[in-house]
Each structure stands twice: as structure tokens, then as C-alpha cells.
Amino acid sequence: MPVTDDMLKTPPAGDWLMARRTYQAWSHSPLTQITRDNAKELQLAWVWPMNEGQGNEPSPLVHNGVIYLASPSNIVQAINGKTG
């Protein structure tokens, strides 16, 4: 499903379609699965190596479970959010 203007105005709960998530730049996720009580139970599921020495500080975008990372060398990587 393509990203529409309505989706950008009110993004689905699990998506992060632009830097800071919304036009209001709230940087807040409405997801409630992780709480103060269960945060200590989180465990590393997977890692993704970044190229060294190239100033990697991407703002990841997420749509339909896919994480998109843009690199300084104009490469966009699409990563499965569940499995890496």
C-alpha cells in the first residue's frame, strides 16, 4: 500500500513514516505493548551492521514492518523489522 497524505497526517500506530513521526514532530509512538513494568524484560532480537566512518546517524522510517535506512552514500536499505 502506498503512503498517502492522509497516512502522513495520521500515521498507523506501527508506522514511522517521516522524521519525528508526525507533521507536529511529536516523536511519540502510540504503541502500548512496552510499558514501564515490562521494559526490563526486553531482549536484543537482532543487529544490523552499519558502515564505519561514514557518519551513519540515520533517522529510520518504518512502513508495514519494513525499516528503511538511508546511508550517506545514497543507498537505502530495507530491513525486515522482525527478523533483520
PDB file of N, CA and C in Angstrom:
ATOM      1  N   MET A   1       0.836  -1.169   0.000  1.00  0.00           N
ATOM      2  CA  MET A   1       0.000   0.000   0.000  1.00  0.00           C
ATOM      3  C   MET A   1       0.888   1.242   0.000  1.00  0.00           C
ATOM      4  N   PRO A   2       0.684   2.152  -0.936  1.00  0.00           N
ATOM      5  CA  PRO A   2       1.498   3.365  -0.972  1.00  0.00           C
ATOM      6  C   PRO A   2       1.157   4.305   0.184  1.00  0.00           C
ATOM      7  N   VAL A   3       2.109   5.129   0.547  1.00  0.00           N
ATOM      8  CA  VAL A   3       1.898   6.119   1.600  1.00  0.00           C
ATOM      9  C   VAL A   3       1.117   7.281   1.009  1.00  0.00           C
ATOM     10  N   THR A   4       0.043   7.662   1.674  1.00  0.00           N
ATOM     11  CA  THR A   4      -0.802   8.758   1.206  1.00  0.00           C
ATOM     12  C   THR A   4      -0.678   9.955   2.142  1.00  0.00           C
ATOM     13  N   ASP A   5      -1.195  11.098   1.707  1.00  0.00           N
ATOM     14  CA  ASP A   5      -1.170  12.297   2.541  1.00  0.00           C
ATOM     15  C   ASP A   5      -1.938  12.066   3.839  1.00  0.00           C
ATOM     16  N   ASP A   6      -3.073  11.349   3.770  1.00  0.00           N
ATOM     17  CA  ASP A   6      -3.837  11.052   4.987  1.00  0.00           C
ATOM     18  C   ASP A   6      -3.012  10.202   5.954  1.00  0.00           C
ATOM     19  N   MET A   7      -2.225   9.257   5.420  1.00  0.00           N
ATOM     20  CA  MET A   7      -1.384   8.421   6.286  1.00  0.00           C
ATOM     21  C   MET A   7      -0.310   9.265   6.959  1.00  0.00           C
ATOM     22  N   LEU A   8       0.205  10.273   6.252  1.00  0.00           N
ATOM     23  CA  LEU A   8       1.216  11.138   6.851  1.00  0.00           C
ATOM     24  C   LEU A   8       0.603  12.020   7.938  1.00  0.00           C
ATOM     25  N   LYS A   9      -0.641  12.437   7.731  1.00  0.00           N
ATOM     26  CA  LYS A   9      -1.316  13.272   8.734  1.00  0.00           C
ATOM     27  C   LYS A   9      -1.662  12.467   9.979  1.00  0.00           C
ATOM     28  N   THR A  10      -2.087  11.223   9.780  1.00  0.00           N
ATOM     29  CA  THR A  10      -2.454  10.339  10.895  1.00  0.00           C
ATOM     30  C   THR A  10      -1.850   8.970  10.616  1.00  0.00           C
ATOM     31  N   PRO A  11      -0.565   8.789  10.926  1.00  0.00           N
ATOM     32  CA  PRO A  11       0.095   7.527  10.589  1.00  0.00           C
ATOM     33  C   PRO A  11      -0.459   6.352  11.389  1.00  0.00           C
ATOM     34  N   PRO A  12      -0.486   5.169  10.769  1.00  0.00           N
ATOM     35  CA  PRO A  12      -0.869   3.980  11.516  1.00  0.00           C
ATOM     36  C   PRO A  12       0.043   3.821  12.735  1.00  0.00           C
ATOM     37  N   ALA A  13      -0.471   3.253  13.792  1.00  0.00           N
ATOM     38  CA  ALA A  13       0.256   3.168  15.065  1.00  0.00           C
ATOM     39  C   ALA A  13       1.645   2.553  14.922  1.00  0.00           C
ATOM     40  N   GLY A  14       1.819   1.532  14.107  1.00  0.00           N
ATOM     41  CA  GLY A  14       3.097   0.849  13.985  1.00  0.00           C
ATOM     42  C   GLY A  14       4.040   1.441  12.958  1.00  0.00           C
ATOM     43  N   ASP A  15       3.625   2.501  12.279  1.00  0.00           N
ATOM     44  CA  ASP A  15       4.462   3.104  11.247  1.00  0.00           C
ATOM     45  C   ASP A  15       5.114   4.385  11.739  1.00  0.00           C
ATOM     46  N   TRP A  16       6.276   4.678  11.180  1.00  0.00           N
ATOM     47  CA  TRP A  16       7.018   5.906  11.465  1.00  0.00           C
ATOM     48  C   TRP A  16       7.433   6.402  10.082  1.00  0.00           C
ATOM     49  N   LEU A  17       6.559   7.183   9.431  1.00  0.00           N
ATOM     50  CA  LEU A  17       6.688   7.486   8.012  1.00  0.00           C
ATOM     51  C   LEU A  17       7.533   8.704   7.687  1.00  0.00           C
ATOM     52  N   MET A  18       7.907   9.469   8.691  1.00  0.00           N
ATOM     53  CA  MET A  18       8.770  10.634   8.474  1.00  0.00           C
ATOM     54  C   MET A  18       9.580  10.875   9.745  1.00  0.00           C
ATOM     55  N   ALA A  19      10.622  11.681   9.610  1.00  0.00           N
ATOM     56  CA  ALA A  19      11.419  12.017  10.791  1.00  0.00           C
ATOM     57  C   ALA A  19      10.506  12.653  11.829  1.00  0.00           C
ATOM     58  N   ARG A  20      10.653  12.256  13.076  1.00  0.00           N
ATOM     59  CA  ARG A  20       9.867  12.735  14.215  1.00  0.00           C
ATOM     60  C   ARG A  20       8.407  12.262  14.155  1.00  0.00           C
ATOM     61  N   ARG A  21       8.065  11.370  13.246  1.00  0.00           N
ATOM     62  CA  ARG A  21       6.822  10.619  13.093  1.00  0.00           C
ATOM     63  C   ARG A  21       5.619  11.379  12.546  1.00  0.00           C
ATOM     64  N   THR A  22       5.370  12.618  12.988  1.00  0.00           N
ATOM     65  CA  THR A  22       4.190  13.365  12.525  1.00  0.00           C
ATOM     66  C   THR A  22       4.587  14.768  12.079  1.00  0.00           C
ATOM     67  N   TYR A  23       3.665  15.432  11.378  1.00  0.00           N
ATOM     68  CA  TYR A  23       3.906  16.820  10.977  1.00  0.00           C
ATOM     69  C   TYR A  23       4.122  17.713  12.199  1.00  0.00           C
ATOM     70  N   GLN A  24       3.540  17.347  13.326  1.00  0.00           N
ATOM     71  CA  GLN A  24       3.711  18.125  14.552  1.00  0.00           C
ATOM     72  C   GLN A  24       5.063  17.849  15.219  1.00  0.00           C
ATOM     73  N   ALA A  25       5.794  16.862  14.729  1.00  0.00           N
ATOM     74  CA  ALA A  25       7.128  16.497  15.225  1.00  0.00           C
ATOM     75  C   ALA A  25       7.109  16.098  16.693  1.00  0.00           C
ATOM     76  N   TRP A  26       6.113  15.315  17.080  1.00  0.00           N
ATOM     77  CA  TRP A  26       5.985  14.896  18.474  1.00  0.00           C
ATOM     78  C   TRP A  26       6.992  13.829  18.878  1.00  0.00           C
ATOM     79  N   SER A  27       7.472  13.030  17.933  1.00  0.00           N
ATOM     80  CA  SER A  27       8.384  11.915  18.230  1.00  0.00           C
ATOM     81  C   SER A  27       7.799  10.982  19.282  1.00  0.00           C
ATOM     82  N   HIS A  28       6.515  10.769  19.238  1.00  0.00           N
ATOM     83  CA  HIS A  28       5.824   9.907  20.203  1.00  0.00           C
ATOM     84  C   HIS A  28       5.193   8.739  19.462  1.00  0.00           C
ATOM     85  N   SER A  29       5.349   7.552  20.008  1.00  0.00           N
ATOM     86  CA  SER A  29       4.702   6.372  19.456  1.00  0.00           C
ATOM     87  C   SER A  29       3.446   6.057  20.255  1.00  0.00           C
ATOM     88  N   PRO A  30       2.323   5.808  19.578  1.00  0.00           N
ATOM     89  CA  PRO A  30       1.100   5.449  20.289  1.00  0.00           C
ATOM     90  C   PRO A  30       1.060   3.976  20.701  1.00  0.00           C
ATOM     91  N   LEU A  31       2.081   3.211  20.348  1.00  0.00           N
ATOM     92  CA  LEU A  31       2.094   1.794  20.712  1.00  0.00           C
ATOM     93  C   LEU A  31       2.162   1.651  22.229  1.00  0.00           C
ATOM     94  N   THR A  32       1.476   0.647  22.745  1.00  0.00           N
ATOM     95  CA  THR A  32       1.396   0.479  24.203  1.00  0.00           C
ATOM     96  C   THR A  32       1.893  -0.889  24.680  1.00  0.00           C
ATOM     97  N   GLN A  33       2.458  -1.679  23.772  1.00  0.00           N
ATOM     98  CA  GLN A  33       2.894  -3.021  24.133  1.00  0.00           C
ATOM     99  C   GLN A  33       4.039  -2.988  25.155  1.00  0.00           C
ATOM    100  N   ILE A  34       4.917  -2.000  25.049  1.00  0.00           N
ATOM    101  CA  ILE A  34       6.020  -1.870  26.002  1.00  0.00           C
ATOM    102  C   ILE A  34       5.619  -0.833  27.050  1.00  0.00           C
ATOM    103  N   THR A  35       5.728  -1.230  28.318  1.00  0.00           N
ATOM    104  CA  THR A  35       5.341  -0.350  29.418  1.00  0.00           C
ATOM    105  C   THR A  35       6.514  -0.197  30.385  1.00  0.00           C
ATOM    106  N   ARG A  36       6.367   0.667  31.361  1.00  0.00           N
ATOM    107  CA  ARG A  36       7.401   0.801  32.394  1.00  0.00           C
ATOM    108  C   ARG A  36       7.590  -0.520  33.137  1.00  0.00           C
ATOM    109  N   ASP A  37       6.509  -1.261  33.300  1.00  0.00           N
ATOM    110  CA  ASP A  37       6.576  -2.510  34.053  1.00  0.00           C
ATOM    111  C   ASP A  37       7.292  -3.630  33.294  1.00  0.00           C
ATOM    112  N   ASN A  38       7.153  -3.685  31.961  1.00  0.00           N
ATOM    113  CA  ASN A  38       7.751  -4.803  31.232  1.00  0.00           C
ATOM    114  C   ASN A  38       9.005  -4.419  30.430  1.00  0.00           C
ATOM    115  N   ALA A  39       9.405  -3.160  30.456  1.00  0.00           N
ATOM    116  CA  ALA A  39      10.575  -2.730  29.679  1.00  0.00           C
ATOM    117  C   ALA A  39      11.833  -3.498  30.077  1.00  0.00           C
ATOM    118  N   LYS A  40      11.958  -3.870  31.338  1.00  0.00           N
ATOM    119  CA  LYS A  40      13.158  -4.589  31.803  1.00  0.00           C
ATOM    120  C   LYS A  40      13.254  -5.988  31.191  1.00  0.00           C
ATOM    121  N   GLU A  41      12.183  -6.493  30.605  1.00  0.00           N
ATOM    122  CA  GLU A  41      12.174  -7.820  30.002  1.00  0.00           C
ATOM    123  C   GLU A  41      12.585  -7.808  28.527  1.00  0.00           C
ATOM    124  N   LEU A  42      12.801  -6.629  27.960  1.00  0.00           N
ATOM    125  CA  LEU A  42      13.188  -6.548  26.552  1.00  0.00           C
ATOM    126  C   LEU A  42      14.537  -7.214  26.338  1.00  0.00           C
ATOM    127  N   GLN A  43      14.688  -7.875  25.195  1.00  0.00           N
ATOM    128  CA  GLN A  43      15.938  -8.537  24.835  1.00  0.00           C
ATOM    129  C   GLN A  43      16.281  -8.202  23.396  1.00  0.00           C
ATOM    130  N   LEU A  44      17.567  -8.206  23.094  1.00  0.00           N
ATOM    131  CA  LEU A  44      18.031  -7.968  21.742  1.00  0.00           C
ATOM    132  C   LEU A  44      17.542  -9.086  20.828  1.00  0.00           C
ATOM    133  N   ALA A  45      16.894  -8.735  19.729  1.00  0.00           N
ATOM    134  CA  ALA A  45      16.379  -9.728  18.792  1.00  0.00           C
ATOM    135  C   ALA A  45      17.311  -9.891  17.594  1.00  0.00           C
ATOM    136  N   TRP A  46      17.918  -8.798  17.124  1.00  0.00           N
ATOM    137  CA  TRP A  46      18.840  -8.849  16.003  1.00  0.00           C
ATOM    138  C   TRP A  46      19.616  -7.542  15.937  1.00  0.00           C
ATOM    139  N   VAL A  47      20.723  -7.552  15.198  1.00  0.00           N
ATOM    140  CA  VAL A  47      21.528  -6.348  14.992  1.00  0.00           C
ATOM    141  C   VAL A  47      21.764  -6.159  13.498  1.00  0.00           C
ATOM    142  N   TRP A  48      22.048  -4.932  13.101  1.00  0.00           N
ATOM    143  CA  TRP A  48      22.328  -4.626  11.704  1.00  0.00           C
ATOM    144  C   TRP A  48      23.615  -3.807  11.649  1.00  0.00           C
ATOM    145  N   PRO A  49      24.676  -4.330  11.020  1.00  0.00           N
ATOM    146  CA  PRO A  49      25.933  -3.592  10.984  1.00  0.00           C
ATOM    147  C   PRO A  49      25.841  -2.367  10.070  1.00  0.00           C
ATOM    148  N   MET A  50      26.429  -1.279  10.520  1.00  0.00           N
ATOM    149  CA  MET A  50      26.493  -0.060   9.721  1.00  0.00           C
ATOM    150  C   MET A  50      27.920   0.103   9.218  1.00  0.00           C
ATOM    151  N   ASN A  51      28.101   0.793   8.093  1.00  0.00           N
ATOM    152  CA  ASN A  51      29.451   1.060   7.590  1.00  0.00           C
ATOM    153  C   ASN A  51      30.160   2.014   8.541  1.00  0.00           C
ATOM    154  N   GLU A  52      31.408   1.687   8.864  1.00  0.00           N
ATOM    155  CA  GLU A  52      32.172   2.519   9.797  1.00  0.00           C
ATOM    156  C   GLU A  52      32.706   3.765   9.103  1.00  0.00           C
ATOM    157  N   GLY A  53      32.819   4.845   9.874  1.00  0.00           N
ATOM    158  CA  GLY A  53      33.484   6.044   9.411  1.00  0.00           C
ATOM    159  C   GLY A  53      32.746   6.864   8.379  1.00  0.00           C
ATOM    160  N   GLN A  54      31.466   6.641   8.198  1.00  0.00           N
ATOM    161  CA  GLN A  54      30.749   7.400   7.179  1.00  0.00           C
ATOM    162  C   GLN A  54      29.657   8.278   7.776  1.00  0.00           C
ATOM    163  N   GLY A  55      29.727   8.545   9.060  1.00  0.00           N
ATOM    164  CA  GLY A  55      28.750   9.437   9.670  1.00  0.00           C
ATOM    165  C   GLY A  55      27.348   8.879   9.686  1.00  0.00           C
ATOM    166  N   ASN A  56      27.208   7.598   9.974  1.00  0.00           N
ATOM    167  CA  ASN A  56      25.884   6.980   9.998  1.00  0.00           C
ATOM    168  C   ASN A  56      25.101   7.428  11.219  1.00  0.00           C
ATOM    169  N   GLU A  57      24.106   8.230  11.014  1.00  0.00           N
ATOM    170  CA  GLU A  57      23.155   8.616  12.054  1.00  0.00           C
ATOM    171  C   GLU A  57      21.784   8.730  11.393  1.00  0.00           C
ATOM    172  N   PRO A  58      21.304   7.627  10.807  1.00  0.00           N
ATOM    173  CA  PRO A  58      20.057   7.722  10.041  1.00  0.00           C
ATOM    174  C   PRO A  58      18.834   7.889  10.941  1.00  0.00           C
ATOM    175  N   SER A  59      17.827   8.498  10.383  1.00  0.00           N
ATOM    176  CA  SER A  59      16.505   8.533  11.010  1.00  0.00           C
ATOM    177  C   SER A  59      15.700   7.457  10.309  1.00  0.00           C
ATOM    178  N   PRO A  60      15.558   6.294  10.927  1.00  0.00           N
ATOM    179  CA  PRO A  60      14.848   5.212  10.238  1.00  0.00           C
ATOM    180  C   PRO A  60      13.383   5.549  10.028  1.00  0.00           C
ATOM    181  N   LEU A  61      12.863   5.103   8.908  1.00  0.00           N
ATOM    182  CA  LEU A  61      11.434   5.195   8.614  1.00  0.00           C
ATOM    183  C   LEU A  61      10.893   3.778   8.633  1.00  0.00           C
ATOM    184  N   VAL A  62       9.649   3.604   9.070  1.00  0.00           N
ATOM    185  CA  VAL A  62       9.049   2.272   9.157  1.00  0.00           C
ATOM    186  C   VAL A  62       7.688   2.304   8.490  1.00  0.00           C
ATOM    187  N   HIS A  63       7.448   1.320   7.616  1.00  0.00           N
ATOM    188  CA  HIS A  63       6.147   1.174   6.961  1.00  0.00           C
ATOM    189  C   HIS A  63       5.867  -0.310   6.767  1.00  0.00           C
ATOM    190  N   ASN A  64       4.732  -0.757   7.283  1.00  0.00           N
ATOM    191  CA  ASN A  64       4.318  -2.165   7.150  1.00  0.00           C
ATOM    192  C   ASN A  64       5.388  -3.137   7.641  1.00  0.00           C
ATOM    193  N   GLY A  65       6.071  -2.801   8.739  1.00  0.00           N
ATOM    194  CA  GLY A  65       7.051  -3.705   9.317  1.00  0.00           C
ATOM    195  C   GLY A  65       8.411  -3.678   8.668  1.00  0.00           C
ATOM    196  N   VAL A  66       8.612  -2.823   7.666  1.00  0.00           N
ATOM    197  CA  VAL A  66       9.904  -2.708   7.000  1.00  0.00           C
ATOM    198  C   VAL A  66      10.583  -1.424   7.480  1.00  0.00           C
ATOM    199  N   ILE A  67      11.840  -1.547   7.910  1.00  0.00           N
ATOM    200  CA  ILE A  67      12.631  -0.404   8.359  1.00  0.00           C
ATOM    201  C   ILE A  67      13.485   0.057   7.185  1.00  0.00           C
ATOM    202  N   TYR A  68      13.400   1.338   6.855  1.00  0.00           N
ATOM    203  CA  TYR A  68      14.175   1.910   5.760  1.00  0.00           C
ATOM    204  C   TYR A  68      15.265   2.805   6.349  1.00  0.00           C
ATOM    205  N   LEU A  69      16.522   2.536   5.949  1.00  0.00           N
ATOM    206  CA  LEU A  69      17.665   3.315   6.413  1.00  0.00           C
ATOM    207  C   LEU A  69      18.386   3.904   5.211  1.00  0.00           C
ATOM    208  N   ALA A  70      18.585   5.210   5.217  1.00  0.00           N
ATOM    209  CA  ALA A  70      19.347   5.866   4.156  1.00  0.00           C
ATOM    210  C   ALA A  70      20.760   6.099   4.663  1.00  0.00           C
ATOM    211  N   SER A  71      21.741   5.808   3.812  1.00  0.00           N
ATOM    212  CA  SER A  71      23.140   5.984   4.209  1.00  0.00           C
ATOM    213  C   SER A  71      23.703   7.240   3.540  1.00  0.00           C
ATOM    214  N   PRO A  72      24.837   7.755   4.047  1.00  0.00           N
ATOM    215  CA  PRO A  72      25.456   8.927   3.427  1.00  0.00           C
ATOM    216  C   PRO A  72      25.890   8.688   1.980  1.00  0.00           C
ATOM    217  N   SER A  73      26.041   7.432   1.582  1.00  0.00           N
ATOM    218  CA  SER A  73      26.453   7.129   0.213  1.00  0.00           C
ATOM    219  C   SER A  73      25.257   6.920  -0.718  1.00  0.00           C
ATOM    220  N   ASN A  74      24.103   7.484  -0.343  1.00  0.00           N
ATOM    221  CA  ASN A  74      22.887   7.438  -1.167  1.00  0.00           C
ATOM    222  C   ASN A  74      22.369   6.026  -1.416  1.00  0.00           C
ATOM    223  N   ILE A  75      22.512   5.174  -0.434  1.00  0.00           N
ATOM    224  CA  ILE A  75      21.971   3.815  -0.503  1.00  0.00           C
ATOM    225  C   ILE A  75      20.878   3.719   0.542  1.00  0.00           C
ATOM    226  N   VAL A  76      19.737   3.179   0.143  1.00  0.00           N
ATOM    227  CA  VAL A  76      18.627   2.947   1.078  1.00  0.00           C
ATOM    228  C   VAL A  76      18.515   1.450   1.292  1.00  0.00           C
ATOM    229  N   GLN A  77      18.538   1.058   2.549  1.00  0.00           N
ATOM    230  CA  GLN A  77      18.407  -0.350   2.882  1.00  0.00           C
ATOM    231  C   GLN A  77      17.003  -0.576   3.431  1.00  0.00           C
ATOM    232  N   ALA A  78      16.371  -1.663   3.014  1.00  0.00           N
ATOM    233  CA  ALA A  78      15.058  -2.067   3.534  1.00  0.00           C
ATOM    234  C   ALA A  78      15.257  -3.330   4.343  1.00  0.00           C
ATOM    235  N   ILE A  79      14.896  -3.260   5.630  1.00  0.00           N
ATOM    236  CA  ILE A  79      15.176  -4.358   6.565  1.00  0.00           C
ATOM    237  C   ILE A  79      13.884  -4.833   7.188  1.00  0.00           C
ATOM    238  N   ASN A  80      13.677  -6.144   7.234  1.00  0.00           N
ATOM    239  CA  ASN A  80      12.523  -6.719   7.902  1.00  0.00           C
ATOM    240  C   ASN A  80      12.629  -6.396   9.393  1.00  0.00           C
ATOM    241  N   GLY A  81      11.655  -5.685   9.936  1.00  0.00           N
ATOM    242  CA  GLY A  81      11.702  -5.269  11.333  1.00  0.00           C
ATOM    243  C   GLY A  81      11.674  -6.405  12.326  1.00  0.00           C
ATOM    244  N   LYS A  82      11.110  -7.537  11.975  1.00  0.00           N
ATOM    245  CA  LYS A  82      11.024  -8.664  12.912  1.00  0.00           C
ATOM    246  C   LYS A  82      12.284  -9.518  12.903  1.00  0.00           C
ATOM    247  N   THR A  83      12.864  -9.703  11.730  1.00  0.00           N
ATOM    248  CA  THR A  83      13.969 -10.659  11.622  1.00  0.00           C
ATOM    249  C   THR A  83      15.312 -10.032  11.277  1.00  0.00           C
ATOM    250  N   GLY A  84      15.293  -8.766  10.857  1.00  0.00           N
ATOM    251  CA  GLY A  84      16.542  -8.132  10.446  1.00  0.00           C
ATOM    252  C   GLY A  84      16.943  -8.557   9.070  1.00  0.00           C
TER     253      GLY A  84
END
